Protein backbone atom coordinates (compact mmCIF):
# COMPACT_ATOMS: atom_id res chain seq x y z
CA GLN A 1 85.87 -92.04 35.63
CA LEU A 2 89.01 -90.18 34.80
CA GLN A 3 92.25 -91.46 36.29
CA LEU A 4 94.64 -88.93 37.72
CA VAL A 5 98.08 -89.92 39.02
CA GLU A 6 99.99 -87.80 41.52
CA SER A 7 103.69 -87.93 42.31
CA GLY A 8 106.40 -85.84 43.95
CA GLY A 9 105.48 -86.08 47.60
CA GLY A 10 108.03 -86.71 50.31
CA SER A 11 109.51 -85.54 53.58
CA VAL A 12 111.19 -82.15 53.94
CA GLN A 13 112.19 -79.81 56.71
CA SER A 14 110.38 -76.60 57.46
CA GLY A 15 111.26 -73.96 54.88
CA GLY A 16 111.94 -76.55 52.20
CA SER A 17 110.29 -77.07 48.83
CA LEU A 18 108.55 -79.83 46.90
CA ASN A 19 107.11 -79.96 43.40
CA LEU A 20 104.08 -82.20 42.96
CA SER A 21 102.94 -83.50 39.57
CA CYS A 22 99.58 -84.77 38.42
CA VAL A 23 99.11 -86.54 35.11
CA TYR A 24 95.48 -86.49 33.92
CA PRO A 25 93.69 -88.00 30.93
CA PRO A 26 93.01 -85.70 27.97
CA TYR A 27 90.02 -83.37 28.24
CA ILE A 28 86.71 -85.21 28.30
CA HIS A 29 83.34 -84.68 29.93
CA GLY A 30 83.98 -80.98 30.42
CA SER A 31 86.55 -81.44 33.18
CA THR A 32 88.78 -78.59 32.11
CA TYR A 33 89.84 -77.47 35.58
CA THR A 34 92.37 -79.22 37.79
CA GLY A 35 92.88 -78.64 41.45
CA TRP A 36 95.15 -79.67 44.28
CA PHE A 37 93.48 -80.53 47.56
CA ARG A 38 94.94 -81.68 50.85
CA HIS A 39 93.74 -83.70 53.79
CA SER A 40 95.36 -83.87 57.20
CA PRO A 41 94.27 -86.33 59.91
CA GLY A 42 91.56 -84.83 62.06
CA LYS A 43 90.81 -82.05 59.58
CA GLU A 44 88.46 -81.67 56.64
CA ARG A 45 89.86 -81.89 53.16
CA GLU A 46 90.64 -78.41 51.84
CA VAL A 47 91.55 -76.92 48.50
CA ALA A 48 95.04 -75.55 47.94
CA ALA A 49 94.91 -74.31 44.35
CA VAL A 50 92.94 -74.64 41.12
CA ILE A 51 93.86 -73.92 37.52
CA GLY A 52 91.97 -73.86 34.22
CA LEU A 53 93.08 -74.83 30.73
CA GLY A 54 93.95 -71.20 30.06
CA GLY A 55 96.22 -71.10 33.09
CA ASN A 56 94.23 -68.82 35.38
CA PRO A 57 94.94 -69.89 38.97
CA LEU A 58 93.04 -69.63 42.21
CA TYR A 59 94.71 -70.10 45.60
CA ALA A 60 93.53 -70.72 49.10
CA TYR A 61 94.58 -67.98 51.50
CA SER A 62 96.71 -70.43 53.50
CA VAL A 63 99.03 -71.15 50.56
CA LYS A 64 98.94 -67.92 48.55
CA GLY A 65 102.41 -66.55 48.00
CA ARG A 66 104.06 -69.87 48.84
CA PHE A 67 102.50 -72.34 46.38
CA THR A 68 102.36 -72.03 42.60
CA ILE A 69 100.07 -74.12 40.41
CA SER A 70 100.85 -74.51 36.73
CA ARG A 71 100.06 -76.84 33.87
CA ASP A 72 101.55 -78.22 30.67
CA ASN A 73 98.64 -79.09 28.41
CA ARG A 74 100.90 -80.89 25.93
CA LYS A 75 101.92 -83.30 28.68
CA ASN A 76 98.50 -83.42 30.37
CA THR A 77 100.26 -82.52 33.60
CA VAL A 78 99.51 -80.08 36.40
CA TYR A 79 102.17 -79.08 38.90
CA LEU A 80 102.12 -77.67 42.41
CA LEU A 81 105.38 -76.01 43.41
CA MET A 82 105.40 -75.65 47.16
CA ASN A 83 107.93 -73.29 48.73
CA SER A 84 108.50 -72.18 52.33
CA LEU A 85 106.81 -75.32 53.58
CA LYS A 86 105.51 -75.39 57.15
CA PRO A 87 104.68 -78.33 59.43
CA GLU A 88 100.99 -77.43 59.04
CA ASP A 89 101.32 -78.18 55.31
CA THR A 90 101.74 -81.85 56.21
CA ALA A 91 98.92 -83.74 54.48
CA MET A 92 97.94 -86.14 51.76
CA TYR A 93 97.75 -84.10 48.58
CA TYR A 94 95.19 -85.04 45.95
CA CYS A 95 94.76 -83.95 42.37
CA ALA A 96 91.20 -83.63 41.06
CA ALA A 97 89.49 -82.73 37.78
CA GLY A 98 86.43 -80.52 37.76
CA SER A 99 84.13 -78.32 35.74
CA ALA A 100 84.62 -74.89 37.33
CA LEU A 101 87.35 -72.52 38.40
CA SER A 102 86.25 -72.71 41.99
CA LEU A 103 87.65 -73.37 45.45
CA SER A 104 84.58 -75.44 46.20
CA GLU A 105 85.22 -79.17 46.23
CA SER A 106 81.73 -79.87 44.92
CA TRP A 107 82.79 -79.04 41.36
CA PHE A 108 85.46 -81.77 41.34
CA LYS A 109 84.30 -85.30 40.57
CA ASP A 110 87.41 -87.25 39.56
CA TRP A 111 90.27 -87.79 41.98
CA GLY A 112 93.71 -89.35 42.16
CA GLN A 113 95.01 -91.59 44.93
CA GLY A 114 97.11 -88.89 46.57
CA THR A 115 100.75 -88.29 47.45
CA GLN A 116 101.95 -87.74 51.01
CA VAL A 117 103.78 -84.57 52.03
CA THR A 118 105.41 -84.43 55.45
CA VAL A 119 107.09 -81.29 56.77
CA SER A 120 109.14 -81.53 59.93
CA SER A 121 110.04 -78.61 62.19
């Protein structure tokens, strides 16, 4: 299995910003897409954003216009810049590697351990 390592989580007030990072192993097994997912207690895990090697992003409706996913292939790192954070963005954020530019979790087989984001009102 690939090992992905997230960092950058923390606690911020509503309206604040955080920039998450995910370091992933070099491309193997066709996992050329990387996504950020989030899981809040009592809710199902949901996708936030996905990006391919070429940089084309997909966003969930709930974060579009506020979050920006990007990647630096030389550093094997994917970022999630989160602006205008809301209390409902509070969740554990996971980075995952997959084989399709899709908002469906089923395409993503390798996961990191997560980084906690807490937004207070």
